[in-house]
Amino acid sequence: MVTLEQYIFDHTDAESDLLAELNRQTHLKILQPRMLSGHLQGRLLSMISRMIAPTNILEIGTYTGYSALCLAEGLYKQGRLHTFEINDELIDFAQSFFSRSKYKDQIVQHVGDAIKMIPEMTKTFDLVFIDGDKKQYLQYFEVVFPVLNSGGFMLIDNTLWSGKVLRDIEEDDPSTQMIIDFNNYIRNHPGLSTVLLPLRDGLTLVQKL
């Protein structure tokens, strides 16, 4: 019997061969492979990016590069995707896949603390994807909001946090508290239009008004 999840995958565009290999290799070689965006979310990221056709994309949290490659599918012809990763041990792995894609000249990797580095950039962005340290989501927002163009879009991953947003918070669980605080903050932000999608671990889409 076909599961509902399999039915969804069967009626969604397939991953490219490169993305499928990246998916497999991440699960074989990298810790915490569940952090990968994966097939369904990846196709949504691609679709949203292609709808916007952004000139510049900003990503916080490269991990192994799957989401960056999906977002790059919608880039304007001369556009650039700037992706930040604080774990330098992941950079070569991601680059090995970036270098094999047709977006290799459009993806710019940055290694280090995005909160410190983004304010030093002189660019503005049409699309932002936040998927970094959950305890720093509000700080990411504070540095990203000024460089997001009016009318631009922001995607934030893991905003349902395995359903923990509905449970009593453990004392040693600052990540859940931050996700809850962040969700409340952007929901009530007067400069945003917001929708929280129940996709995977929660994906929030906001537009800067």
N, C-alpha and C. Protein backbone atom coordinates (compact mmCIF):
# COMPACT_ATOMS: atom_id res chain seq x y z
N MET A 1 0.85 -1.20 0.00
CA MET A 1 0.00 0.00 0.00
C MET A 1 0.88 1.25 0.00
N VAL A 2 0.56 2.18 -0.87
CA VAL A 2 1.31 3.43 -0.98
C VAL A 2 0.95 4.34 0.19
N THR A 3 1.96 4.86 0.89
CA THR A 3 1.70 5.80 1.99
C THR A 3 1.39 7.18 1.42
N LEU A 4 0.77 8.01 2.25
CA LEU A 4 0.47 9.37 1.82
C LEU A 4 1.76 10.13 1.49
N GLU A 5 2.81 9.92 2.31
CA GLU A 5 4.09 10.59 2.04
C GLU A 5 4.64 10.18 0.68
N GLN A 6 4.58 8.87 0.37
CA GLN A 6 5.08 8.41 -0.92
C GLN A 6 4.25 8.97 -2.07
N TYR A 7 2.93 9.07 -1.86
CA TYR A 7 2.05 9.66 -2.88
C TYR A 7 2.46 11.10 -3.17
N ILE A 8 2.79 11.84 -2.09
CA ILE A 8 3.23 13.23 -2.26
C ILE A 8 4.51 13.29 -3.07
N PHE A 9 5.48 12.44 -2.72
CA PHE A 9 6.74 12.42 -3.47
C PHE A 9 6.51 12.03 -4.93
N ASP A 10 5.61 11.07 -5.15
CA ASP A 10 5.34 10.61 -6.52
C ASP A 10 4.69 11.67 -7.39
N HIS A 11 4.07 12.66 -6.74
CA HIS A 11 3.39 13.72 -7.49
C HIS A 11 4.10 15.07 -7.34
N THR A 12 5.36 15.01 -7.02
CA THR A 12 6.23 16.19 -6.94
C THR A 12 7.41 15.97 -7.88
N ASP A 13 7.90 17.03 -8.49
CA ASP A 13 9.07 16.90 -9.36
C ASP A 13 10.19 16.14 -8.67
N ALA A 14 10.88 15.32 -9.41
CA ALA A 14 11.99 14.54 -8.87
C ALA A 14 13.20 15.43 -8.60
N GLU A 15 14.06 14.96 -7.69
CA GLU A 15 15.36 15.61 -7.49
C GLU A 15 16.20 15.42 -8.74
N SER A 16 17.11 16.33 -8.98
CA SER A 16 18.12 16.10 -10.01
C SER A 16 19.04 14.99 -9.55
N ASP A 17 19.80 14.43 -10.46
CA ASP A 17 20.76 13.38 -10.10
C ASP A 17 21.78 13.90 -9.09
N LEU A 18 22.21 15.14 -9.26
CA LEU A 18 23.21 15.72 -8.35
C LEU A 18 22.62 15.87 -6.95
N LEU A 19 21.39 16.35 -6.85
CA LEU A 19 20.75 16.50 -5.54
C LEU A 19 20.51 15.14 -4.89
N ALA A 20 20.12 14.16 -5.68
CA ALA A 20 19.90 12.83 -5.13
C ALA A 20 21.20 12.26 -4.58
N GLU A 21 22.30 12.48 -5.29
CA GLU A 21 23.59 12.01 -4.79
C GLU A 21 24.00 12.75 -3.53
N LEU A 22 23.77 14.06 -3.51
CA LEU A 22 24.08 14.86 -2.32
C LEU A 22 23.26 14.36 -1.13
N ASN A 23 22.01 14.05 -1.37
CA ASN A 23 21.15 13.51 -0.33
C ASN A 23 21.74 12.21 0.23
N ARG A 24 22.10 11.30 -0.66
CA ARG A 24 22.66 10.01 -0.24
C ARG A 24 23.97 10.17 0.52
N GLN A 25 24.88 10.97 -0.03
CA GLN A 25 26.19 11.13 0.58
C GLN A 25 26.11 11.82 1.94
N THR A 26 25.16 12.74 2.08
CA THR A 26 24.96 13.37 3.38
C THR A 26 24.55 12.34 4.43
N HIS A 27 23.64 11.46 4.05
CA HIS A 27 23.19 10.43 4.99
C HIS A 27 24.28 9.40 5.29
N LEU A 28 25.18 9.19 4.36
CA LEU A 28 26.24 8.21 4.56
C LEU A 28 27.41 8.77 5.38
N LYS A 29 27.72 10.08 5.20
CA LYS A 29 28.99 10.59 5.67
C LYS A 29 28.91 11.71 6.71
N ILE A 30 27.76 12.34 6.87
CA ILE A 30 27.67 13.55 7.68
C ILE A 30 26.77 13.33 8.90
N LEU A 31 27.17 13.89 10.02
CA LEU A 31 26.36 13.79 11.23
C LEU A 31 25.05 14.56 11.07
N GLN A 32 24.03 14.08 11.72
CA GLN A 32 22.70 14.71 11.75
C GLN A 32 22.14 14.97 10.35
N PRO A 33 22.04 13.94 9.52
CA PRO A 33 21.55 14.12 8.15
C PRO A 33 20.11 14.61 8.07
N ARG A 34 19.36 14.50 9.18
CA ARG A 34 17.98 15.01 9.17
C ARG A 34 17.94 16.52 9.00
N MET A 35 19.08 17.19 9.15
CA MET A 35 19.15 18.63 8.94
C MET A 35 19.03 19.00 7.46
N LEU A 36 19.20 18.03 6.58
CA LEU A 36 19.09 18.27 5.14
C LEU A 36 17.67 18.68 4.77
N SER A 37 17.53 19.64 3.90
CA SER A 37 16.19 20.07 3.48
C SER A 37 15.42 18.93 2.84
N GLY A 38 16.06 18.18 1.97
CA GLY A 38 15.42 17.02 1.38
C GLY A 38 14.54 17.33 0.19
N HIS A 39 14.01 16.26 -0.37
CA HIS A 39 13.30 16.30 -1.65
C HIS A 39 12.13 17.29 -1.67
N LEU A 40 11.14 17.09 -0.80
CA LEU A 40 9.92 17.90 -0.86
C LEU A 40 10.20 19.35 -0.56
N GLN A 41 10.89 19.62 0.54
CA GLN A 41 11.18 21.01 0.87
C GLN A 41 12.10 21.64 -0.17
N GLY A 42 13.01 20.86 -0.69
CA GLY A 42 13.90 21.37 -1.72
C GLY A 42 13.16 21.83 -2.97
N ARG A 43 12.14 21.05 -3.36
CA ARG A 43 11.36 21.45 -4.54
C ARG A 43 10.54 22.70 -4.25
N LEU A 44 10.09 22.86 -3.00
CA LEU A 44 9.37 24.08 -2.65
C LEU A 44 10.31 25.28 -2.66
N LEU A 45 11.51 25.13 -2.12
CA LEU A 45 12.50 26.22 -2.15
C LEU A 45 12.79 26.63 -3.58
N SER A 46 12.95 25.64 -4.43
CA SER A 46 13.20 25.92 -5.85
C SER A 46 12.04 26.67 -6.48
N MET A 47 10.82 26.21 -6.21
CA MET A 47 9.63 26.83 -6.79
C MET A 47 9.49 28.29 -6.35
N ILE A 48 9.67 28.54 -5.06
CA ILE A 48 9.56 29.90 -4.55
C ILE A 48 10.63 30.78 -5.17
N SER A 49 11.85 30.27 -5.26
CA SER A 49 12.93 31.05 -5.85
C SER A 49 12.64 31.36 -7.31
N ARG A 50 12.12 30.38 -8.05
CA ARG A 50 11.80 30.62 -9.47
C ARG A 50 10.65 31.60 -9.63
N MET A 51 9.73 31.63 -8.68
CA MET A 51 8.63 32.60 -8.72
C MET A 51 9.15 34.02 -8.53
N ILE A 52 10.15 34.16 -7.67
CA ILE A 52 10.69 35.49 -7.35
C ILE A 52 11.74 35.93 -8.36
N ALA A 53 12.52 34.97 -8.89
CA ALA A 53 13.66 35.26 -9.77
C ALA A 53 14.60 36.28 -9.12
N PRO A 54 15.13 35.96 -7.94
CA PRO A 54 15.94 36.94 -7.20
C PRO A 54 17.28 37.23 -7.85
N THR A 55 17.73 38.46 -7.67
CA THR A 55 19.08 38.82 -8.11
C THR A 55 20.10 38.38 -7.07
N ASN A 56 19.76 38.54 -5.79
CA ASN A 56 20.64 38.12 -4.72
C ASN A 56 19.87 37.32 -3.68
N ILE A 57 20.43 36.17 -3.29
CA ILE A 57 19.86 35.32 -2.25
C ILE A 57 20.86 35.24 -1.11
N LEU A 58 20.35 35.25 0.12
CA LEU A 58 21.18 35.08 1.31
C LEU A 58 20.70 33.83 2.05
N GLU A 59 21.64 32.96 2.39
CA GLU A 59 21.32 31.76 3.16
C GLU A 59 22.19 31.72 4.40
N ILE A 60 21.57 31.46 5.55
CA ILE A 60 22.29 31.27 6.80
C ILE A 60 22.16 29.80 7.19
N GLY A 61 23.26 29.08 7.10
CA GLY A 61 23.27 27.65 7.38
C GLY A 61 23.37 26.84 6.10
N THR A 62 24.58 26.70 5.58
CA THR A 62 24.78 25.96 4.33
C THR A 62 24.57 24.46 4.53
N TYR A 63 25.05 23.95 5.67
CA TYR A 63 25.11 22.52 5.95
C TYR A 63 25.85 21.84 4.78
N THR A 64 25.23 20.90 4.07
CA THR A 64 25.96 20.24 2.98
C THR A 64 25.62 20.81 1.60
N GLY A 65 24.81 21.86 1.55
CA GLY A 65 24.61 22.57 0.29
C GLY A 65 23.34 22.24 -0.47
N TYR A 66 22.51 21.35 0.06
CA TYR A 66 21.30 20.95 -0.67
C TYR A 66 20.36 22.12 -0.89
N SER A 67 20.05 22.85 0.17
CA SER A 67 19.10 23.97 0.04
C SER A 67 19.65 25.07 -0.86
N ALA A 68 20.96 25.31 -0.78
CA ALA A 68 21.56 26.33 -1.64
C ALA A 68 21.39 25.99 -3.11
N LEU A 69 21.63 24.73 -3.46
CA LEU A 69 21.47 24.32 -4.85
C LEU A 69 20.02 24.44 -5.31
N CYS A 70 19.08 24.15 -4.41
CA CYS A 70 17.66 24.29 -4.76
C CYS A 70 17.29 25.75 -4.96
N LEU A 71 17.71 26.61 -4.05
CA LEU A 71 17.42 28.05 -4.16
C LEU A 71 18.06 28.65 -5.40
N ALA A 72 19.25 28.18 -5.76
CA ALA A 72 19.97 28.73 -6.91
C ALA A 72 19.22 28.49 -8.22
N GLU A 73 18.32 27.53 -8.24
CA GLU A 73 17.58 27.22 -9.48
C GLU A 73 16.73 28.39 -9.95
N GLY A 74 16.39 29.31 -9.05
CA GLY A 74 15.56 30.45 -9.45
C GLY A 74 16.32 31.74 -9.65
N LEU A 75 17.64 31.70 -9.45
CA LEU A 75 18.44 32.92 -9.55
C LEU A 75 18.32 33.59 -10.91
N TYR A 76 18.25 34.92 -10.88
CA TYR A 76 18.39 35.71 -12.11
C TYR A 76 19.71 35.34 -12.78
N LYS A 77 19.78 35.50 -14.07
CA LYS A 77 20.93 35.02 -14.85
C LYS A 77 22.26 35.51 -14.31
N GLN A 78 22.34 36.76 -13.88
CA GLN A 78 23.59 37.30 -13.33
C GLN A 78 23.55 37.35 -11.80
N GLY A 79 22.62 36.62 -11.20
CA GLY A 79 22.44 36.69 -9.75
C GLY A 79 23.48 35.91 -8.98
N ARG A 80 23.48 36.12 -7.65
CA ARG A 80 24.41 35.43 -6.76
C ARG A 80 23.68 34.94 -5.52
N LEU A 81 24.10 33.79 -5.03
CA LEU A 81 23.62 33.26 -3.76
C LEU A 81 24.79 33.26 -2.78
N HIS A 82 24.63 33.97 -1.68
CA HIS A 82 25.65 34.03 -0.63
C HIS A 82 25.19 33.15 0.52
N THR A 83 25.98 32.11 0.81
CA THR A 83 25.60 31.16 1.85
C THR A 83 26.65 31.13 2.96
N PHE A 84 26.18 31.17 4.21
CA PHE A 84 27.04 31.26 5.38
C PHE A 84 26.99 29.95 6.18
N GLU A 85 28.16 29.46 6.55
CA GLU A 85 28.27 28.26 7.38
C GLU A 85 29.37 28.47 8.40
N ILE A 86 29.04 28.23 9.67
CA ILE A 86 30.03 28.45 10.73
C ILE A 86 30.92 27.22 10.95
N ASN A 87 30.45 26.04 10.53
CA ASN A 87 31.22 24.80 10.68
C ASN A 87 32.12 24.62 9.47
N ASP A 88 33.41 24.93 9.63
CA ASP A 88 34.32 24.87 8.49
C ASP A 88 34.58 23.45 8.00
N GLU A 89 34.21 22.44 8.79
CA GLU A 89 34.41 21.06 8.36
C GLU A 89 33.43 20.65 7.26
N LEU A 90 32.37 21.43 7.07
CA LEU A 90 31.37 21.11 6.04
C LEU A 90 31.63 21.80 4.71
N ILE A 91 32.55 22.75 4.69
CA ILE A 91 32.72 23.59 3.51
C ILE A 91 33.17 22.81 2.29
N ASP A 92 34.18 21.97 2.44
CA ASP A 92 34.70 21.22 1.30
C ASP A 92 33.66 20.25 0.75
N PHE A 93 32.87 19.65 1.64
CA PHE A 93 31.83 18.72 1.20
C PHE A 93 30.82 19.46 0.33
N ALA A 94 30.32 20.59 0.82
CA ALA A 94 29.36 21.37 0.04
C ALA A 94 29.96 21.85 -1.28
N GLN A 95 31.19 22.33 -1.23
CA GLN A 95 31.85 22.86 -2.42
C GLN A 95 32.02 21.78 -3.49
N SER A 96 32.23 20.54 -3.06
CA SER A 96 32.40 19.46 -4.04
C SER A 96 31.15 19.27 -4.89
N PHE A 97 30.00 19.61 -4.34
CA PHE A 97 28.75 19.52 -5.10
C PHE A 97 28.46 20.83 -5.83
N PHE A 98 28.75 21.94 -5.21
CA PHE A 98 28.57 23.23 -5.89
C PHE A 98 29.38 23.25 -7.19
N SER A 99 30.60 22.76 -7.12
CA SER A 99 31.51 22.83 -8.27
C SER A 99 31.04 21.98 -9.45
N ARG A 100 30.15 21.05 -9.18
CA ARG A 100 29.62 20.17 -10.24
C ARG A 100 28.29 20.66 -10.78
N SER A 101 27.77 21.73 -10.23
CA SER A 101 26.47 22.23 -10.67
C SER A 101 26.65 23.37 -11.67
N LYS A 102 25.59 23.66 -12.39
CA LYS A 102 25.66 24.77 -13.35
C LYS A 102 25.60 26.12 -12.66
N TYR A 103 25.40 26.11 -11.34
CA TYR A 103 25.37 27.36 -10.57
C TYR A 103 26.68 27.62 -9.85
N LYS A 104 27.72 26.90 -10.22
CA LYS A 104 28.99 26.97 -9.49
C LYS A 104 29.57 28.38 -9.45
N ASP A 105 29.33 29.18 -10.48
CA ASP A 105 29.87 30.54 -10.50
C ASP A 105 28.93 31.55 -9.84
N GLN A 106 27.78 31.08 -9.39
CA GLN A 106 26.80 31.98 -8.79
C GLN A 106 26.67 31.79 -7.28
N ILE A 107 27.27 30.72 -6.76
CA ILE A 107 27.19 30.43 -5.32
C ILE A 107 28.48 30.87 -4.64
N VAL A 108 28.34 31.74 -3.66
CA VAL A 108 29.49 32.27 -2.92
C VAL A 108 29.43 31.75 -1.49
N GLN A 109 30.44 30.99 -1.09
CA GLN A 109 30.48 30.45 0.26
C GLN A 109 31.20 31.40 1.21
N HIS A 110 30.62 31.55 2.41
CA HIS A 110 31.24 32.34 3.47
C HIS A 110 31.37 31.45 4.70
N VAL A 111 32.54 31.47 5.32
CA VAL A 111 32.79 30.66 6.51
C VAL A 111 32.91 31.59 7.71
N GLY A 112 32.06 31.37 8.71
CA GLY A 112 32.14 32.21 9.90
C GLY A 112 30.78 32.56 10.45
N ASP A 113 30.76 33.50 11.37
CA ASP A 113 29.55 33.91 12.08
C ASP A 113 28.75 34.90 11.23
N ALA A 114 27.62 34.45 10.75
CA ALA A 114 26.79 35.30 9.87
C ALA A 114 26.36 36.58 10.57
N ILE A 115 26.12 36.51 11.87
CA ILE A 115 25.65 37.68 12.62
C ILE A 115 26.69 38.80 12.57
N LYS A 116 27.94 38.44 12.59
CA LYS A 116 29.01 39.44 12.53
C LYS A 116 29.33 39.84 11.09
N MET A 117 29.21 38.91 10.16
CA MET A 117 29.68 39.15 8.80
C MET A 117 28.66 39.84 7.90
N ILE A 118 27.37 39.56 8.09
CA ILE A 118 26.36 40.14 7.20
C ILE A 118 26.33 41.67 7.26
N PRO A 119 26.42 42.29 8.45
CA PRO A 119 26.41 43.76 8.48
C PRO A 119 27.58 44.40 7.74
N GLU A 120 28.63 43.64 7.49
CA GLU A 120 29.78 44.17 6.78
C GLU A 120 29.61 44.11 5.27
N MET A 121 28.59 43.42 4.80
CA MET A 121 28.33 43.31 3.36
C MET A 121 27.64 44.58 2.86
N THR A 122 27.79 44.85 1.59
CA THR A 122 27.18 46.04 0.99
C THR A 122 26.00 45.68 0.09
N LYS A 123 25.57 44.43 0.12
CA LYS A 123 24.51 43.97 -0.76
C LYS A 123 23.16 43.97 -0.05
N THR A 124 22.11 44.03 -0.85
CA THR A 124 20.76 43.78 -0.36
C THR A 124 20.22 42.55 -1.08
N PHE A 125 19.16 41.96 -0.52
CA PHE A 125 18.72 40.65 -0.98
C PHE A 125 17.22 40.62 -1.25
N ASP A 126 16.85 39.80 -2.23
CA ASP A 126 15.45 39.61 -2.59
C ASP A 126 14.84 38.41 -1.88
N LEU A 127 15.70 37.47 -1.47
CA LEU A 127 15.25 36.24 -0.84
C LEU A 127 16.27 35.81 0.20
N VAL A 128 15.79 35.45 1.38
CA VAL A 128 16.66 35.01 2.49
C VAL A 128 16.13 33.68 3.01
N PHE A 129 17.04 32.74 3.28
CA PHE A 129 16.68 31.47 3.90
C PHE A 129 17.48 31.33 5.19
N ILE A 130 16.78 31.21 6.32
CA ILE A 130 17.43 31.08 7.63
C ILE A 130 17.27 29.65 8.12
N ASP A 131 18.41 28.99 8.34
CA ASP A 131 18.41 27.62 8.81
C ASP A 131 19.67 27.35 9.62
N GLY A 132 20.00 28.29 10.51
CA GLY A 132 21.19 28.18 11.32
C GLY A 132 20.87 27.75 12.74
N ASP A 133 21.66 28.22 13.68
CA ASP A 133 21.49 27.91 15.10
C ASP A 133 20.16 28.47 15.60
N LYS A 134 19.29 27.59 16.08
CA LYS A 134 17.94 28.01 16.47
C LYS A 134 17.96 29.03 17.61
N LYS A 135 18.97 28.96 18.47
CA LYS A 135 19.05 29.89 19.60
C LYS A 135 19.38 31.30 19.14
N GLN A 136 19.75 31.46 17.87
CA GLN A 136 20.14 32.77 17.36
C GLN A 136 19.16 33.32 16.32
N TYR A 137 17.99 32.74 16.22
CA TYR A 137 17.06 33.16 15.18
C TYR A 137 16.70 34.64 15.27
N LEU A 138 16.45 35.15 16.44
CA LEU A 138 16.12 36.57 16.56
C LEU A 138 17.29 37.45 16.16
N GLN A 139 18.51 37.02 16.49
CA GLN A 139 19.69 37.78 16.09
C GLN A 139 19.88 37.74 14.58
N TYR A 140 19.63 36.57 13.97
CA TYR A 140 19.69 36.50 12.51
C TYR A 140 18.70 37.50 11.90
N PHE A 141 17.49 37.49 12.42
CA PHE A 141 16.46 38.38 11.88
C PHE A 141 16.90 39.83 11.98
N GLU A 142 17.49 40.20 13.08
CA GLU A 142 17.89 41.60 13.29
C GLU A 142 18.94 42.05 12.28
N VAL A 143 19.83 41.15 11.87
CA VAL A 143 20.85 41.55 10.89
C VAL A 143 20.36 41.41 9.45
N VAL A 144 19.37 40.55 9.25
CA VAL A 144 18.88 40.29 7.89
C VAL A 144 17.82 41.30 7.47
N PHE A 145 16.94 41.67 8.38
CA PHE A 145 15.82 42.54 8.02
C PHE A 145 16.27 43.84 7.32
N PRO A 146 17.33 44.50 7.78
CA PRO A 146 17.74 45.74 7.11
C PRO A 146 18.26 45.54 5.68
N VAL A 147 18.76 44.33 5.37
CA VAL A 147 19.32 44.10 4.03
C VAL A 147 18.35 43.35 3.13
N LEU A 148 17.14 43.08 3.62
CA LEU A 148 16.10 42.48 2.79
C LEU A 148 15.35 43.59 2.08
N ASN A 149 15.29 43.51 0.77
CA ASN A 149 14.62 44.55 -0.01
C ASN A 149 13.13 44.60 0.32
N SER A 150 12.53 45.78 0.22
CA SER A 150 11.09 45.91 0.38
C SER A 150 10.39 45.03 -0.66
N GLY A 151 9.42 44.25 -0.22
CA GLY A 151 8.77 43.29 -1.11
C GLY A 151 9.49 41.96 -1.17
N GLY A 152 10.68 41.89 -0.56
CA GLY A 152 11.45 40.66 -0.56
C GLY A 152 10.89 39.62 0.40
N PHE A 153 11.37 38.40 0.25
CA PHE A 153 10.84 37.28 1.02
C PHE A 153 11.92 36.64 1.89
N MET A 154 11.47 36.12 3.03
CA MET A 154 12.33 35.42 3.96
C MET A 154 11.69 34.06 4.28
N LEU A 155 12.49 33.01 4.22
CA LEU A 155 12.05 31.67 4.59
C LEU A 155 12.81 31.25 5.83
N ILE A 156 12.10 30.74 6.83
CA ILE A 156 12.75 30.32 8.07
C ILE A 156 12.37 28.87 8.35
N ASP A 157 13.39 28.02 8.51
CA ASP A 157 13.16 26.59 8.68
C ASP A 157 13.02 26.22 10.16
N ASN A 158 12.40 25.06 10.39
CA ASN A 158 12.29 24.45 11.73
C ASN A 158 11.43 25.25 12.71
N THR A 159 10.44 25.93 12.22
CA THR A 159 9.64 26.79 13.10
C THR A 159 8.52 26.03 13.84
N LEU A 160 8.40 24.72 13.61
CA LEU A 160 7.53 23.89 14.44
C LEU A 160 8.34 23.05 15.41
N TRP A 161 9.61 22.87 15.13
CA TRP A 161 10.59 22.28 16.05
C TRP A 161 10.09 20.96 16.65
N SER A 162 9.77 20.03 15.74
CA SER A 162 9.31 18.69 16.12
C SER A 162 8.07 18.74 17.03
N GLY A 163 7.27 19.77 16.88
CA GLY A 163 6.06 19.91 17.68
C GLY A 163 6.29 20.42 19.08
N LYS A 164 7.54 20.71 19.42
CA LYS A 164 7.84 21.16 20.79
C LYS A 164 7.26 22.53 21.10
N VAL A 165 6.89 23.28 20.06
CA VAL A 165 6.30 24.60 20.29
C VAL A 165 4.96 24.52 21.02
N LEU A 166 4.36 23.32 21.08
CA LEU A 166 3.07 23.14 21.76
C LEU A 166 3.21 22.47 23.13
N ARG A 167 4.44 22.12 23.50
CA ARG A 167 4.64 21.38 24.75
C ARG A 167 5.22 22.29 25.84
N ASP A 168 5.16 21.80 27.07
CA ASP A 168 5.84 22.49 28.16
C ASP A 168 7.34 22.49 27.88
N ILE A 169 7.99 23.61 28.12
CA ILE A 169 9.40 23.75 27.79
C ILE A 169 10.26 23.26 28.94
N GLU A 170 11.21 22.40 28.62
CA GLU A 170 12.16 21.93 29.62
C GLU A 170 13.16 23.04 29.95
N GLU A 171 13.66 23.03 31.19
CA GLU A 171 14.59 24.09 31.62
C GLU A 171 15.88 24.11 30.80
N ASP A 172 16.29 22.94 30.33
CA ASP A 172 17.54 22.84 29.58
C ASP A 172 17.31 22.85 28.07
N ASP A 173 16.25 23.52 27.63
CA ASP A 173 15.90 23.53 26.21
C ASP A 173 15.71 24.96 25.70
N PRO A 174 16.80 25.73 25.62
CA PRO A 174 16.67 27.12 25.17
C PRO A 174 16.27 27.25 23.70
N SER A 175 16.55 26.23 22.90
CA SER A 175 16.21 26.31 21.47
C SER A 175 14.70 26.40 21.27
N THR A 176 13.95 25.58 22.01
CA THR A 176 12.49 25.61 21.87
C THR A 176 11.94 26.97 22.29
N GLN A 177 12.43 27.50 23.39
CA GLN A 177 11.96 28.81 23.84
C GLN A 177 12.25 29.88 22.80
N MET A 178 13.43 29.78 22.17
CA MET A 178 13.78 30.78 21.14
C MET A 178 12.87 30.66 19.93
N ILE A 179 12.57 29.44 19.50
CA ILE A 179 11.67 29.25 18.36
C ILE A 179 10.30 29.85 18.67
N ILE A 180 9.80 29.60 19.87
CA ILE A 180 8.50 30.16 20.27
C ILE A 180 8.55 31.69 20.29
N ASP A 181 9.59 32.24 20.89
CA ASP A 181 9.74 33.70 20.94
C ASP A 181 9.85 34.28 19.53
N PHE A 182 10.61 33.61 18.70
CA PHE A 182 10.80 34.08 17.32
C PHE A 182 9.48 34.05 16.56
N ASN A 183 8.76 32.93 16.65
CA ASN A 183 7.47 32.82 15.95
C ASN A 183 6.51 33.93 16.38
N ASN A 184 6.46 34.20 17.68
CA ASN A 184 5.58 35.26 18.17
C ASN A 184 6.03 36.63 17.69
N TYR A 185 7.33 36.82 17.65
CA TYR A 185 7.88 38.12 17.25
C TYR A 185 7.53 38.45 15.80
N ILE A 186 7.80 37.50 14.91
CA ILE A 186 7.54 37.82 13.50
C ILE A 186 6.05 37.84 13.19
N ARG A 187 5.26 37.06 13.93
CA ARG A 187 3.81 37.08 13.72
C ARG A 187 3.24 38.46 14.01
N ASN A 188 3.82 39.14 14.98
CA ASN A 188 3.31 40.45 15.39
C ASN A 188 4.12 41.62 14.84
N HIS A 189 5.08 41.33 13.97
CA HIS A 189 5.92 42.39 13.40
C HIS A 189 5.10 43.19 12.38
N PRO A 190 5.00 44.50 12.52
CA PRO A 190 4.16 45.29 11.62
C PRO A 190 4.71 45.40 10.20
N GLY A 191 5.97 45.06 10.02
CA GLY A 191 6.56 45.20 8.70
C GLY A 191 6.56 43.93 7.88
N LEU A 192 5.84 42.90 8.35
CA LEU A 192 5.86 41.60 7.69
C LEU A 192 4.46 41.06 7.44
N SER A 193 4.34 40.29 6.36
CA SER A 193 3.19 39.42 6.15
C SER A 193 3.71 37.99 6.31
N THR A 194 3.01 37.17 7.11
CA THR A 194 3.57 35.89 7.55
C THR A 194 2.62 34.73 7.37
N VAL A 195 3.16 33.58 6.92
CA VAL A 195 2.41 32.33 6.92
C VAL A 195 3.37 31.21 7.34
N LEU A 196 2.91 30.37 8.28
CA LEU A 196 3.69 29.23 8.74
C LEU A 196 3.14 27.98 8.08
N LEU A 197 3.99 27.33 7.30
CA LEU A 197 3.58 26.14 6.54
C LEU A 197 3.93 24.87 7.31
N PRO A 198 3.02 23.89 7.41
CA PRO A 198 3.29 22.64 8.12
C PRO A 198 4.07 21.65 7.27
N LEU A 199 5.16 22.09 6.71
CA LEU A 199 6.00 21.25 5.85
C LEU A 199 7.20 20.78 6.65
N ARG A 200 7.43 19.47 6.69
CA ARG A 200 8.51 18.88 7.47
C ARG A 200 8.48 19.40 8.92
N ASP A 201 9.49 20.17 9.29
CA ASP A 201 9.60 20.64 10.68
C ASP A 201 9.08 22.08 10.83
N GLY A 202 8.29 22.53 9.86
CA GLY A 202 7.76 23.89 9.89
C GLY A 202 8.61 24.81 9.05
N LEU A 203 8.00 25.48 8.09
CA LEU A 203 8.69 26.44 7.22
C LEU A 203 7.85 27.71 7.18
N THR A 204 8.40 28.79 7.71
CA THR A 204 7.69 30.06 7.73
C THR A 204 8.12 30.93 6.56
N LEU A 205 7.14 31.47 5.85
CA LEU A 205 7.37 32.36 4.73
C LEU A 205 6.87 33.74 5.10
N VAL A 206 7.75 34.72 5.01
CA VAL A 206 7.35 36.11 5.31
C VAL A 206 7.75 37.02 4.16
N GLN A 207 6.99 38.06 3.98
CA GLN A 207 7.32 39.10 3.01
C GLN A 207 7.49 40.42 3.74
N LYS A 208 8.53 41.15 3.38
CA LYS A 208 8.76 42.46 3.94
C LYS A 208 7.86 43.46 3.23
N LEU A 209 7.04 44.15 3.98
CA LEU A 209 6.06 45.06 3.40
C LEU A 209 6.70 46.41 3.07
